[in-house]
PDB file of N, CA and C in Angstrom:
ATOM      1  N   MET A   1     -12.895  45.018  10.734  1.00  0.00           N
ATOM      2  CA  MET A   1     -13.874  44.022  10.422  1.00  0.00           C
ATOM      3  C   MET A   1     -13.155  42.696  10.214  1.00  0.00           C
ATOM      4  N   ARG A   2     -13.643  41.647  10.842  1.00  0.00           N
ATOM      5  CA  ARG A   2     -13.068  40.317  10.719  1.00  0.00           C
ATOM      6  C   ARG A   2     -13.897  39.483   9.758  1.00  0.00           C
ATOM      7  N   PHE A   3     -13.178  38.741   8.954  1.00  0.00           N
ATOM      8  CA  PHE A   3     -13.854  37.818   8.049  1.00  0.00           C
ATOM      9  C   PHE A   3     -13.723  36.412   8.603  1.00  0.00           C
ATOM     10  N   ARG A   4     -14.801  35.701   8.534  1.00  0.00           N
ATOM     11  CA  ARG A   4     -14.786  34.316   8.982  1.00  0.00           C
ATOM     12  C   ARG A   4     -14.880  33.403   7.781  1.00  0.00           C
ATOM     13  N   LEU A   5     -13.972  32.455   7.737  1.00  0.00           N
ATOM     14  CA  LEU A   5     -14.023  31.467   6.674  1.00  0.00           C
ATOM     15  C   LEU A   5     -15.075  30.425   7.023  1.00  0.00           C
ATOM     16  N   PRO A   6     -15.798  29.955   6.033  1.00  0.00           N
ATOM     17  CA  PRO A   6     -16.785  28.918   6.326  1.00  0.00           C
ATOM     18  C   PRO A   6     -16.081  27.642   6.761  1.00  0.00           C
ATOM     19  N   ALA A   7     -16.740  26.889   7.610  1.00  0.00           N
ATOM     20  CA  ALA A   7     -16.190  25.612   8.066  1.00  0.00           C
ATOM     21  C   ALA A   7     -16.119  24.652   6.886  1.00  0.00           C
ATOM     22  N   PRO A   8     -15.038  23.910   6.775  1.00  0.00           N
ATOM     23  CA  PRO A   8     -14.935  22.965   5.655  1.00  0.00           C
ATOM     24  C   PRO A   8     -15.978  21.862   5.780  1.00  0.00           C
ATOM     25  N   ARG A   9     -16.391  21.370   4.624  1.00  0.00           N
ATOM     26  CA  ARG A   9     -17.319  20.241   4.622  1.00  0.00           C
ATOM     27  C   ARG A   9     -16.592  19.007   5.115  1.00  0.00           C
ATOM     28  N   ARG A  10     -17.329  17.992   5.526  1.00  0.00           N
ATOM     29  CA  ARG A  10     -16.733  16.777   6.074  1.00  0.00           C
ATOM     30  C   ARG A  10     -15.710  16.170   5.119  1.00  0.00           C
ATOM     31  N   ALA A  11     -16.011  16.041   3.851  1.00  0.00           N
ATOM     32  CA  ALA A  11     -15.086  15.441   2.880  1.00  0.00           C
ATOM     33  C   ALA A  11     -13.785  16.229   2.811  1.00  0.00           C
ATOM     34  N   ASP A  12     -13.876  17.561   2.928  1.00  0.00           N
ATOM     35  CA  ASP A  12     -12.671  18.385   2.915  1.00  0.00           C
ATOM     36  C   ASP A  12     -11.822  18.132   4.151  1.00  0.00           C
ATOM     37  N   ARG A  13     -12.469  17.944   5.295  1.00  0.00           N
ATOM     38  CA  ARG A  13     -11.719  17.689   6.530  1.00  0.00           C
ATOM     39  C   ARG A  13     -11.006  16.349   6.465  1.00  0.00           C
ATOM     40  N   VAL A  14     -11.666  15.326   5.909  1.00  0.00           N
ATOM     41  CA  VAL A  14     -11.047  14.007   5.796  1.00  0.00           C
ATOM     42  C   VAL A  14      -9.839  14.077   4.878  1.00  0.00           C
ATOM     43  N   ALA A  15      -9.982  14.736   3.739  1.00  0.00           N
ATOM     44  CA  ALA A  15      -8.871  14.846   2.796  1.00  0.00           C
ATOM     45  C   ALA A  15      -7.713  15.629   3.397  1.00  0.00           C
ATOM     46  N   ALA A  16      -8.021  16.672   4.147  1.00  0.00           N
ATOM     47  CA  ALA A  16      -6.965  17.476   4.753  1.00  0.00           C
ATOM     48  C   ALA A  16      -6.256  16.713   5.864  1.00  0.00           C
ATOM     49  N   ALA A  17      -6.964  15.855   6.574  1.00  0.00           N
ATOM     50  CA  ALA A  17      -6.372  15.111   7.672  1.00  0.00           C
ATOM     51  C   ALA A  17      -5.476  13.990   7.179  1.00  0.00           C
ATOM     52  N   ASP A  18      -5.715  13.468   5.984  1.00  0.00           N
ATOM     53  CA  ASP A  18      -4.938  12.360   5.455  1.00  0.00           C
ATOM     54  C   ASP A  18      -4.226  12.802   4.188  1.00  0.00           C
ATOM     55  N   PRO A  19      -2.931  13.121   4.262  1.00  0.00           N
ATOM     56  CA  PRO A  19      -2.214  13.624   3.091  1.00  0.00           C
ATOM     57  C   PRO A  19      -2.103  12.606   1.957  1.00  0.00           C
ATOM     58  N   ARG A  20      -2.315  11.313   2.252  1.00  0.00           N
ATOM     59  CA  ARG A  20      -2.248  10.302   1.194  1.00  0.00           C
ATOM     60  C   ARG A  20      -3.546  10.235   0.417  1.00  0.00           C
ATOM     61  N   GLY A  21      -4.563  10.930   0.859  1.00  0.00           N
ATOM     62  CA  GLY A  21      -5.844  10.904   0.163  1.00  0.00           C
ATOM     63  C   GLY A  21      -6.903  10.256   1.024  1.00  0.00           C
ATOM     64  N   ALA A  22      -8.135  10.644   0.801  1.00  0.00           N
ATOM     65  CA  ALA A  22      -9.242  10.106   1.575  1.00  0.00           C
ATOM     66  C   ALA A  22      -9.345   8.612   1.336  1.00  0.00           C
ATOM     67  N   GLY A  23      -9.620   7.886   2.411  1.00  0.00           N
ATOM     68  CA  GLY A  23      -9.845   6.462   2.281  1.00  0.00           C
ATOM     69  C   GLY A  23      -8.617   5.607   2.555  1.00  0.00           C
ATOM     70  N   ALA A  24      -7.443   6.154   2.614  1.00  0.00           N
ATOM     71  CA  ALA A  24      -6.265   5.352   2.921  1.00  0.00           C
ATOM     72  C   ALA A  24      -6.305   5.007   4.394  1.00  0.00           C
ATOM     73  N   ASP A  25      -6.221   3.720   4.710  1.00  0.00           N
ATOM     74  CA  ASP A  25      -6.367   3.299   6.097  1.00  0.00           C
ATOM     75  C   ASP A  25      -5.086   2.708   6.655  1.00  0.00           C
ATOM     76  N   ALA A  26      -3.958   3.156   6.155  1.00  0.00           N
ATOM     77  CA  ALA A  26      -2.684   2.614   6.594  1.00  0.00           C
ATOM     78  C   ALA A  26      -2.351   3.084   7.995  1.00  0.00           C
ATOM     79  N   GLY A  27      -1.735   2.197   8.742  1.00  0.00           N
ATOM     80  CA  GLY A  27      -1.308   2.543  10.083  1.00  0.00           C
ATOM     81  C   GLY A  27       0.088   3.122  10.053  1.00  0.00           C
ATOM     82  N   PRO A  28       0.670   3.381  11.239  1.00  0.00           N
ATOM     83  CA  PRO A  28       2.009   3.941  11.285  1.00  0.00           C
ATOM     84  C   PRO A  28       3.024   2.980  10.673  1.00  0.00           C
ATOM     85  N   GLY A  29       3.942   3.519   9.892  1.00  0.00           N
ATOM     86  CA  GLY A  29       4.983   2.708   9.306  1.00  0.00           C
ATOM     87  C   GLY A  29       4.546   1.918   8.089  1.00  0.00           C
ATOM     88  N   VAL A  30       3.359   2.204   7.573  1.00  0.00           N
ATOM     89  CA  VAL A  30       2.848   1.456   6.437  1.00  0.00           C
ATOM     90  C   VAL A  30       2.657   2.397   5.269  1.00  0.00           C
ATOM     91  N   ALA A  31       3.287   2.074   4.153  1.00  0.00           N
ATOM     92  CA  ALA A  31       3.105   2.863   2.941  1.00  0.00           C
ATOM     93  C   ALA A  31       1.952   2.263   2.171  1.00  0.00           C
ATOM     94  N   GLY A  32       0.836   2.951   2.104  1.00  0.00           N
ATOM     95  CA  GLY A  32      -0.341   2.436   1.407  1.00  0.00           C
ATOM     96  C   GLY A  32      -1.308   1.813   2.379  1.00  0.00           C
ATOM     97  N   SER A  33      -2.285   1.113   1.865  1.00  0.00           N
ATOM     98  CA  SER A  33      -3.295   0.526   2.729  1.00  0.00           C
ATOM     99  C   SER A  33      -3.466  -0.938   2.408  1.00  0.00           C
ATOM    100  N   HIS A  34      -3.768  -1.699   3.413  1.00  0.00           N
ATOM    101  CA  HIS A  34      -4.159  -3.086   3.221  1.00  0.00           C
ATOM    102  C   HIS A  34      -4.902  -3.569   4.437  1.00  0.00           C
ATOM    103  N   GLY A  35      -5.782  -4.540   4.209  1.00  0.00           N
ATOM    104  CA  GLY A  35      -6.559  -5.108   5.291  1.00  0.00           C
ATOM    105  C   GLY A  35      -7.653  -4.165   5.742  1.00  0.00           C
ATOM    106  N   PRO A  36      -8.451  -4.618   6.711  1.00  0.00           N
ATOM    107  CA  PRO A  36      -9.508  -3.776   7.251  1.00  0.00           C
ATOM    108  C   PRO A  36      -8.928  -2.544   7.919  1.00  0.00           C
ATOM    109  N   ALA A  37      -9.703  -1.498   7.968  1.00  0.00           N
ATOM    110  CA  ALA A  37      -9.231  -0.215   8.494  1.00  0.00           C
ATOM    111  C   ALA A  37      -8.572  -0.383   9.849  1.00  0.00           C
ATOM    112  N   GLY A  38      -7.318   0.046   9.915  1.00  0.00           N
ATOM    113  CA  GLY A  38      -6.606   0.063  11.182  1.00  0.00           C
ATOM    114  C   GLY A  38      -6.066  -1.272  11.640  1.00  0.00           C
ATOM    115  N   SER A  39      -6.345  -2.377  10.935  1.00  0.00           N
ATOM    116  CA  SER A  39      -5.929  -3.677  11.434  1.00  0.00           C
ATOM    117  C   SER A  39      -4.472  -3.985  11.130  1.00  0.00           C
ATOM    118  N   GLY A  40      -3.951  -3.461   9.995  1.00  0.00           N
ATOM    119  CA  GLY A  40      -2.595  -3.772   9.601  1.00  0.00           C
ATOM    120  C   GLY A  40      -2.448  -5.169   9.033  1.00  0.00           C
ATOM    121  N   ALA A  41      -3.541  -5.935   8.991  1.00  0.00           N
ATOM    122  CA  ALA A  41      -3.503  -7.299   8.473  1.00  0.00           C
ATOM    123  C   ALA A  41      -4.085  -7.332   7.070  1.00  0.00           C
ATOM    124  N   PRO A  42      -3.565  -8.225   6.233  1.00  0.00           N
ATOM    125  CA  PRO A  42      -4.114  -8.310   4.885  1.00  0.00           C
ATOM    126  C   PRO A  42      -5.520  -8.892   4.911  1.00  0.00           C
ATOM    127  N   ALA A  43      -6.356  -8.452   4.008  1.00  0.00           N
ATOM    128  CA  ALA A  43      -7.702  -8.988   3.886  1.00  0.00           C
ATOM    129  C   ALA A  43      -7.627 -10.317   3.153  1.00  0.00           C
ATOM    130  N   SER A  44      -8.662 -11.140   3.307  1.00  0.00           N
ATOM    131  CA  SER A  44      -8.658 -12.423   2.605  1.00  0.00           C
ATOM    132  C   SER A  44      -8.644 -12.163   1.100  1.00  0.00           C
ATOM    133  N   GLY A  45      -7.891 -12.979   0.371  1.00  0.00           N
ATOM    134  CA  GLY A  45      -7.748 -12.792  -1.063  1.00  0.00           C
ATOM    135  C   GLY A  45      -6.563 -11.924  -1.443  1.00  0.00           C
ATOM    136  N   ASP A  46      -5.954 -11.254  -0.475  1.00  0.00           N
ATOM    137  CA  ASP A  46      -4.778 -10.441  -0.751  1.00  0.00           C
ATOM    138  C   ASP A  46      -3.568 -11.341  -0.986  1.00  0.00           C
ATOM    139  N   VAL A  47      -2.619 -10.826  -1.735  1.00  0.00           N
ATOM    140  CA  VAL A  47      -1.342 -11.502  -1.956  1.00  0.00           C
ATOM    141  C   VAL A  47      -0.342 -10.853  -1.012  1.00  0.00           C
ATOM    142  N   GLU A  48       0.307 -11.643  -0.183  1.00  0.00           N
ATOM    143  CA  GLU A  48       1.279 -11.094   0.767  1.00  0.00           C
ATOM    144  C   GLU A  48       2.652 -11.680   0.492  1.00  0.00           C
ATOM    145  N   LEU A  49       3.660 -10.810   0.473  1.00  0.00           N
ATOM    146  CA  LEU A  49       5.031 -11.213   0.186  1.00  0.00           C
ATOM    147  C   LEU A  49       5.973 -10.663   1.246  1.00  0.00           C
ATOM    148  N   ARG A  50       7.011 -11.442   1.599  1.00  0.00           N
ATOM    149  CA  ARG A  50       8.061 -10.960   2.490  1.00  0.00           C
ATOM    150  C   ARG A  50       9.189 -10.426   1.629  1.00  0.00           C
ATOM    151  N   ILE A  51       9.758  -9.291   2.036  1.00  0.00           N
ATOM    152  CA  ILE A  51      10.762  -8.602   1.217  1.00  0.00           C
ATOM    153  C   ILE A  51      12.037  -8.397   2.019  1.00  0.00           C
ATOM    154  N   ALA A  52      13.180  -8.706   1.403  1.00  0.00           N
ATOM    155  CA  ALA A  52      14.487  -8.464   2.014  1.00  0.00           C
ATOM    156  C   ALA A  52      15.109  -7.231   1.378  1.00  0.00           C
ATOM    157  N   GLY A  53      15.869  -6.488   2.176  1.00  0.00           N
ATOM    158  CA  GLY A  53      16.588  -5.327   1.667  1.00  0.00           C
ATOM    159  C   GLY A  53      15.861  -4.009   1.862  1.00  0.00           C
ATOM    160  N   MET A  54      14.672  -4.059   2.419  1.00  0.00           N
ATOM    161  CA  MET A  54      13.894  -2.843   2.654  1.00  0.00           C
ATOM    162  C   MET A  54      14.232  -2.344   4.059  1.00  0.00           C
ATOM    163  N   THR A  55      14.796  -1.135   4.135  1.00  0.00           N
ATOM    164  CA  THR A  55      15.284  -0.647   5.426  1.00  0.00           C
ATOM    165  C   THR A  55      14.569   0.588   5.965  1.00  0.00           C
ATOM    166  N   CYS A  56      13.742   1.234   5.145  1.00  0.00           N
ATOM    167  CA  CYS A  56      13.128   2.477   5.622  1.00  0.00           C
ATOM    168  C   CYS A  56      11.795   2.726   4.915  1.00  0.00           C
ATOM    169  N   ALA A  57      11.112   3.769   5.340  1.00  0.00           N
ATOM    170  CA  ALA A  57       9.831   4.136   4.740  1.00  0.00           C
ATOM    171  C   ALA A  57       9.996   4.538   3.278  1.00  0.00           C
ATOM    172  N   GLY A  58      11.149   5.101   2.933  1.00  0.00           N
ATOM    173  CA  GLY A  58      11.404   5.461   1.538  1.00  0.00           C
ATOM    174  C   GLY A  58      11.449   4.220   0.647  1.00  0.00           C
ATOM    175  N   CYS A  59      12.074   3.142   1.167  1.00  0.00           N
ATOM    176  CA  CYS A  59      12.092   1.866   0.432  1.00  0.00           C
ATOM    177  C   CYS A  59      10.670   1.358   0.251  1.00  0.00           C
ATOM    178  N   ALA A  60       9.881   1.413   1.318  1.00  0.00           N
ATOM    179  CA  ALA A  60       8.499   0.926   1.265  1.00  0.00           C
ATOM    180  C   ALA A  60       7.684   1.712   0.248  1.00  0.00           C
ATOM    181  N   THR A  61       7.886   3.010   0.201  1.00  0.00           N
ATOM    182  CA  THR A  61       7.152   3.846  -0.755  1.00  0.00           C
ATOM    183  C   THR A  61       7.568   3.515  -2.185  1.00  0.00           C
ATOM    184  N   THR A  62       8.854   3.304  -2.410  1.00  0.00           N
ATOM    185  CA  THR A  62       9.337   2.937  -3.740  1.00  0.00           C
ATOM    186  C   THR A  62       8.708   1.623  -4.195  1.00  0.00           C
ATOM    187  N   ILE A  63       8.677   0.646  -3.298  1.00  0.00           N
ATOM    188  CA  ILE A  63       8.096  -0.657  -3.634  1.00  0.00           C
ATOM    189  C   ILE A  63       6.600  -0.522  -3.879  1.00  0.00           C
ATOM    190  N   ARG A  64       5.909   0.191  -2.994  1.00  0.00           N
ATOM    191  CA  ARG A  64       4.460   0.367  -3.157  1.00  0.00           C
ATOM    192  C   ARG A  64       4.134   1.034  -4.488  1.00  0.00           C
ATOM    193  N   ASP A  65       4.872   2.085  -4.823  1.00  0.00           N
ATOM    194  CA  ASP A  65       4.626   2.783  -6.084  1.00  0.00           C
ATOM    195  C   ASP A  65       4.857   1.858  -7.280  1.00  0.00           C
ATOM    196  N   GLY A  66       5.881   1.017  -7.195  1.00  0.00           N
ATOM    197  CA  GLY A  66       6.133   0.062  -8.265  1.00  0.00           C
ATOM    198  C   GLY A  66       5.025  -0.972  -8.386  1.00  0.00           C
ATOM    199  N   LEU A  67       4.534  -1.450  -7.241  1.00  0.00           N
ATOM    200  CA  LEU A  67       3.466  -2.451  -7.258  1.00  0.00           C
ATOM    201  C   LEU A  67       2.157  -1.874  -7.787  1.00  0.00           C
ATOM    202  N   LEU A  68       1.889  -0.615  -7.471  1.00  0.00           N
ATOM    203  CA  LEU A  68       0.643   0.003  -7.927  1.00  0.00           C
ATOM    204  C   LEU A  68       0.600   0.189  -9.437  1.00  0.00           C
ATOM    205  N   GLN A  69       1.740   0.119 -10.104  1.00  0.00           N
ATOM    206  CA  GLN A  69       1.781   0.250 -11.561  1.00  0.00           C
ATOM    207  C   GLN A  69       1.509  -1.071 -12.273  1.00  0.00           C
ATOM    208  N   LEU A  70       1.453  -2.180 -11.521  1.00  0.00           N
ATOM    209  CA  LEU A  70       1.231  -3.486 -12.136  1.00  0.00           C
ATOM    210  C   LEU A  70      -0.232  -3.654 -12.545  1.00  0.00           C
ATOM    211  N   PRO A  71      -0.474  -4.351 -13.653  1.00  0.00           N
ATOM    212  CA  PRO A  71      -1.858  -4.651 -14.012  1.00  0.00           C
ATOM    213  C   PRO A  71      -2.439  -5.635 -12.995  1.00  0.00           C
ATOM    214  N   GLY A  72      -3.684  -5.457 -12.660  1.00  0.00           N
ATOM    215  CA  GLY A  72      -4.349  -6.373 -11.745  1.00  0.00           C
ATOM    216  C   GLY A  72      -4.245  -5.998 -10.280  1.00  0.00           C
ATOM    217  N   VAL A  73      -3.586  -4.881  -9.952  1.00  0.00           N
ATOM    218  CA  VAL A  73      -3.436  -4.460  -8.551  1.00  0.00           C
ATOM    219  C   VAL A  73      -4.426  -3.338  -8.263  1.00  0.00           C
ATOM    220  N   ALA A  74      -5.356  -3.604  -7.340  1.00  0.00           N
ATOM    221  CA  ALA A  74      -6.321  -2.585  -6.932  1.00  0.00           C
ATOM    222  C   ALA A  74      -5.701  -1.661  -5.888  1.00  0.00           C
ATOM    223  N   SER A  75      -4.937  -2.226  -4.941  1.00  0.00           N
ATOM    224  CA  SER A  75      -4.246  -1.422  -3.933  1.00  0.00           C
ATOM    225  C   SER A  75      -3.065  -2.226  -3.407  1.00  0.00           C
ATOM    226  N   ALA A  76      -2.144  -1.517  -2.794  1.00  0.00           N
ATOM    227  CA  ALA A  76      -0.949  -2.169  -2.249  1.00  0.00           C
ATOM    228  C   ALA A  76      -0.537  -1.475  -0.965  1.00  0.00           C
ATOM    229  N   GLY A  77      -0.037  -2.246  -0.039  1.00  0.00           N
ATOM    230  CA  GLY A  77       0.493  -1.710   1.208  1.00  0.00           C
ATOM    231  C   GLY A  77       1.826  -2.381   1.491  1.00  0.00           C
ATOM    232  N   VAL A  78       2.783  -1.602   1.964  1.00  0.00           N
ATOM    233  CA  VAL A  78       4.121  -2.119   2.239  1.00  0.00           C
ATOM    234  C   VAL A  78       4.563  -1.603   3.598  1.00  0.00           C
ATOM    235  N   SER A  79       5.075  -2.492   4.442  1.00  0.00           N
ATOM    236  CA  SER A  79       5.540  -2.105   5.773  1.00  0.00           C
ATOM    237  C   SER A  79       7.029  -2.374   5.921  1.00  0.00           C
ATOM    238  N   PRO A  80       7.819  -1.314   6.181  1.00  0.00           N
ATOM    239  CA  PRO A  80       9.242  -1.538   6.428  1.00  0.00           C
ATOM    240  C   PRO A  80       9.491  -2.183   7.788  1.00  0.00           C
ATOM    241  N   VAL A  81       8.525  -2.125   8.679  1.00  0.00           N
ATOM    242  CA  VAL A  81       8.668  -2.703  10.014  1.00  0.00           C
ATOM    243  C   VAL A  81       8.564  -4.226   9.952  1.00  0.00           C
ATOM    244  N   THR A  82       7.577  -4.734   9.221  1.00  0.00           N
ATOM    245  CA  THR A  82       7.374  -6.180   9.124  1.00  0.00           C
ATOM    246  C   THR A  82       8.024  -6.779   7.886  1.00  0.00           C
ATOM    247  N   HIS A  83       8.543  -5.925   7.000  1.00  0.00           N
ATOM    248  CA  HIS A  83       9.175  -6.361   5.749  1.00  0.00           C
ATOM    249  C   HIS A  83       8.194  -7.150   4.884  1.00  0.00           C
ATOM    250  N   ARG A  84       6.966  -6.660   4.812  1.00  0.00           N
ATOM    251  CA  ARG A  84       5.923  -7.335   4.042  1.00  0.00           C
ATOM    252  C   ARG A  84       5.235  -6.364   3.089  1.00  0.00           C
ATOM    253  N   ALA A  85       4.778  -6.936   1.980  1.00  0.00           N
ATOM    254  CA  ALA A  85       3.945  -6.197   1.036  1.00  0.00           C
ATOM    255  C   ALA A  85       2.656  -6.981   0.875  1.00  0.00           C
ATOM    256  N   ALA A  86       1.541  -6.277   0.817  1.00  0.00           N
ATOM    257  CA  ALA A  86       0.245  -6.906   0.588  1.00  0.00           C
ATOM    258  C   ALA A  86      -0.395  -6.235  -0.618  1.00  0.00           C
ATOM    259  N   LEU A  87      -0.862  -7.056  -1.551  1.00  0.00           N
ATOM    260  CA  LEU A  87      -1.521  -6.557  -2.751  1.00  0.00           C
ATOM    261  C   LEU A  87      -2.973  -6.991  -2.731  1.00  0.00           C
ATOM    262  N   ARG A  88      -3.854  -6.087  -3.071  1.00  0.00           N
ATOM    263  CA  ARG A  88      -5.262  -6.432  -3.230  1.00  0.00           C
ATOM    264  C   ARG A  88      -5.534  -6.522  -4.725  1.00  0.00           C
ATOM    265  N   PRO A  89      -5.810  -7.734  -5.236  1.00  0.00           N
ATOM    266  CA  PRO A  89      -6.066  -7.903  -6.661  1.00  0.00           C
ATOM    267  C   PRO A  89      -7.382  -7.246  -7.068  1.00  0.00           C
ATOM    268  N   ASP A  90      -7.441  -6.799  -8.330  1.00  0.00           N
ATOM    269  CA  ASP A  90      -8.704  -6.243  -8.829  1.00  0.00           C
ATOM    270  C   ASP A  90      -9.497  -7.275  -9.621  1.00  0.00           C
ATOM    271  N   GLY A  91      -8.964  -8.499  -9.737  1.00  0.00           N
ATOM    272  CA  GLY A  91      -9.681  -9.584 -10.378  1.00  0.00           C
ATOM    273  C   GLY A  91      -9.421  -9.735 -11.869  1.00  0.00           C
ATOM    274  N   THR A  92      -8.619  -8.854 -12.462  1.00  0.00           N
ATOM    275  CA  THR A  92      -8.369  -8.939 -13.898  1.00  0.00           C
ATOM    276  C   THR A  92      -7.181  -9.822 -14.253  1.00  0.00           C
ATOM    277  N   VAL A  93      -6.343 -10.138 -13.268  1.00  0.00           N
ATOM    278  CA  VAL A  93      -5.163 -10.973 -13.485  1.00  0.00           C
ATOM    279  C   VAL A  93      -5.226 -12.126 -12.482  1.00  0.00           C
ATOM    280  N   PRO A  94      -4.982 -13.367 -12.917  1.00  0.00           N
ATOM    281  CA  PRO A  94      -4.976 -14.489 -11.973  1.00  0.00           C
ATOM    282  C   PRO A  94      -3.964 -14.256 -10.850  1.00  0.00           C
ATOM    283  N   THR A  95      -4.295 -14.749  -9.661  1.00  0.00           N
ATOM    284  CA  THR A  95      -3.451 -14.526  -8.479  1.00  0.00           C
ATOM    285  C   THR A  95      -2.022 -15.031  -8.688  1.00  0.00           C
ATOM    286  N   GLU A  96      -1.869 -16.198  -9.312  1.00  0.00           N
ATOM    287  CA  GLU A  96      -0.521 -16.748  -9.529  1.00  0.00           C
ATOM    288  C   GLU A  96       0.304 -15.814 -10.417  1.00  0.00           C
ATOM    289  N   ASP A  97      -0.334 -15.281 -11.455  1.00  0.00           N
ATOM    290  CA  ASP A  97       0.365 -14.353 -12.344  1.00  0.00           C
ATOM    291  C   ASP A  97       0.703 -13.054 -11.623  1.00  0.00           C
ATOM    292  N   LEU A  98      -0.213 -12.591 -10.772  1.00  0.00           N
ATOM    293  CA  LEU A  98       0.021 -11.356 -10.021  1.00  0.00           C
ATOM    294  C   LEU A  98       1.211 -11.524  -9.078  1.00  0.00           C
ATOM    295  N   GLU A  99       1.323 -12.697  -8.450  1.00  0.00           N
ATOM    296  CA  GLU A  99       2.465 -12.960  -7.566  1.00  0.00           C
ATOM    297  C   GLU A  99       3.779 -12.915  -8.347  1.00  0.00           C
ATOM    298  N   MET A 100       3.788 -13.522  -9.534  1.00  0.00           N
ATOM    299  CA  MET A 100       5.003 -13.505 -10.361  1.00  0.00           C
ATOM    300  C   MET A 100       5.340 -12.090 -10.814  1.00  0.00           C
ATOM    301  N   LEU A 101       4.333 -11.323 -11.219  1.00  0.00           N
ATOM    302  CA  LEU A 101       4.558  -9.928 -11.639  1.00  0.00           C
ATOM    303  C   LEU A 101       5.105  -9.102 -10.475  1.00  0.00           C
ATOM    304  N   ALA A 102       4.530  -9.296  -9.292  1.00  0.00           N
ATOM    305  CA  ALA A 102       4.969  -8.535  -8.113  1.00  0.00           C
ATOM    306  C   ALA A 102       6.406  -8.880  -7.760  1.00  0.00           C
ATOM    307  N   GLU A 103       6.735 -10.162  -7.794  1.00  0.00           N
ATOM    308  CA  GLU A 103       8.110 -10.568  -7.472  1.00  0.00           C
ATOM    309  C   GLU A 103       9.095  -9.980  -8.476  1.00  0.00           C
ATOM    310  N   ALA A 104       8.739 -10.001  -9.753  1.00  0.00           N
ATOM    311  CA  ALA A 104       9.618  -9.432 -10.779  1.00  0.00           C
ATOM    312  C   ALA A 104       9.778  -7.927 -10.589  1.00  0.00           C
ATOM    313  N   ALA A 105       8.692  -7.241 -10.248  1.00  0.00           N
ATOM    314  CA  ALA A 105       8.759  -5.789 -10.032  1.00  0.00           C
ATOM    315  C   ALA A 105       9.637  -5.454  -8.836  1.00  0.00           C
ATOM    316  N   ILE A 106       9.470  -6.192  -7.749  1.00  0.00           N
ATOM    317  CA  ILE A 106      10.254  -5.944  -6.534  1.00  0.00           C
ATOM    318  C   ILE A 106      11.732  -6.213  -6.794  1.00  0.00           C
ATOM    319  N   THR A 107      12.021  -7.299  -7.501  1.00  0.00           N
ATOM    320  CA  THR A 107      13.407  -7.630  -7.856  1.00  0.00           C
ATOM    321  C   THR A 107      13.997  -6.552  -8.754  1.00  0.00           C
ATOM    322  N   GLY A 108      13.209  -6.065  -9.695  1.00  0.00           N
ATOM    323  CA  GLY A 108      13.666  -5.010 -10.596  1.00  0.00           C
ATOM    324  C   GLY A 108      13.976  -3.700  -9.879  1.00  0.00           C
ATOM    325  N   LEU A 109      13.358  -3.510  -8.719  1.00  0.00           N
ATOM    326  CA  LEU A 109      13.614  -2.304  -7.923  1.00  0.00           C
ATOM    327  C   LEU A 109      14.833  -2.454  -7.009  1.00  0.00           C
ATOM    328  N   GLY A 110      15.425  -3.659  -6.983  1.00  0.00           N
ATOM    329  CA  GLY A 110      16.633  -3.869  -6.194  1.00  0.00           C
ATOM    330  C   GLY A 110      16.397  -4.544  -4.842  1.00  0.00           C
ATOM    331  N   TYR A 111      15.238  -5.126  -4.648  1.00  0.00           N
ATOM    332  CA  TYR A 111      14.917  -5.824  -3.402  1.00  0.00           C
ATOM    333  C   TYR A 111      14.705  -7.294  -3.729  1.00  0.00           C
ATOM    334  N   ARG A 112      14.565  -8.134  -2.696  1.00  0.00           N
ATOM    335  CA  ARG A 112      14.345  -9.568  -2.911  1.00  0.00           C
ATOM    336  C   ARG A 112      13.081 -10.008  -2.210  1.00  0.00           C
ATOM    337  N   VAL A 113      12.324 -10.867  -2.886  1.00  0.00           N
ATOM    338  CA  VAL A 113      11.184 -11.521  -2.240  1.00  0.00           C
ATOM    339  C   VAL A 113      11.729 -12.813  -1.643  1.00  0.00           C
ATOM    340  N   VAL A 114      11.579 -12.955  -0.327  1.00  0.00           N
ATOM    341  CA  VAL A 114      12.155 -14.110   0.359  1.00  0.00           C
ATOM    342  C   VAL A 114      11.122 -15.167   0.696  1.00  0.00           C
ATOM    343  N   GLY A 115       9.897 -14.911   0.409  1.00  0.00           N
ATOM    344  CA  GLY A 115       8.844 -15.879   0.662  1.00  0.00           C
ATOM    345  C   GLY A 115       7.498 -15.184   0.707  1.00  0.00           C
ATOM    346  N   GLU A 116       6.477 -15.981   0.783  1.00  0.00           N
ATOM    347  CA  GLU A 116       5.135 -15.418   0.893  1.00  0.00           C
ATOM    348  C   GLU A 116       4.749 -15.361   2.356  1.00  0.00           C
ATOM    349  N   GLY A 117       3.841 -14.384   2.636  1.00  0.00           N
ATOM    350  CA  GLY A 117       3.232 -14.237   3.959  1.00  0.00           C
ATOM    351  C   GLY A 117       4.099 -14.591   5.031  1.00  0.00           C
TER     352      GLY A 117
END
């Protein structure tokens, strides 16, 4: 006798297909999500920074994880290919302060912010 497993619900299939969690719209080489789905570009209102010293996806993940711990960050995406980080503010911290916090966090992780966007 063969047992058949029920087909997973749609939400289960989405979660299983994306190991980072449902809703992450990052493209190849991008740790995290930013910009409209699949575009790879930051959305308007995002803070974008150029980063020196990031050489691999592991570096990008380290930076993204550090940025996600900052107050005022709703989401963050980091690309080792373009050497950029994009932060989506949640509106609780002024943008200028968020930029300073992000730069300090990135510097504290051993990387350098070389400019914006």
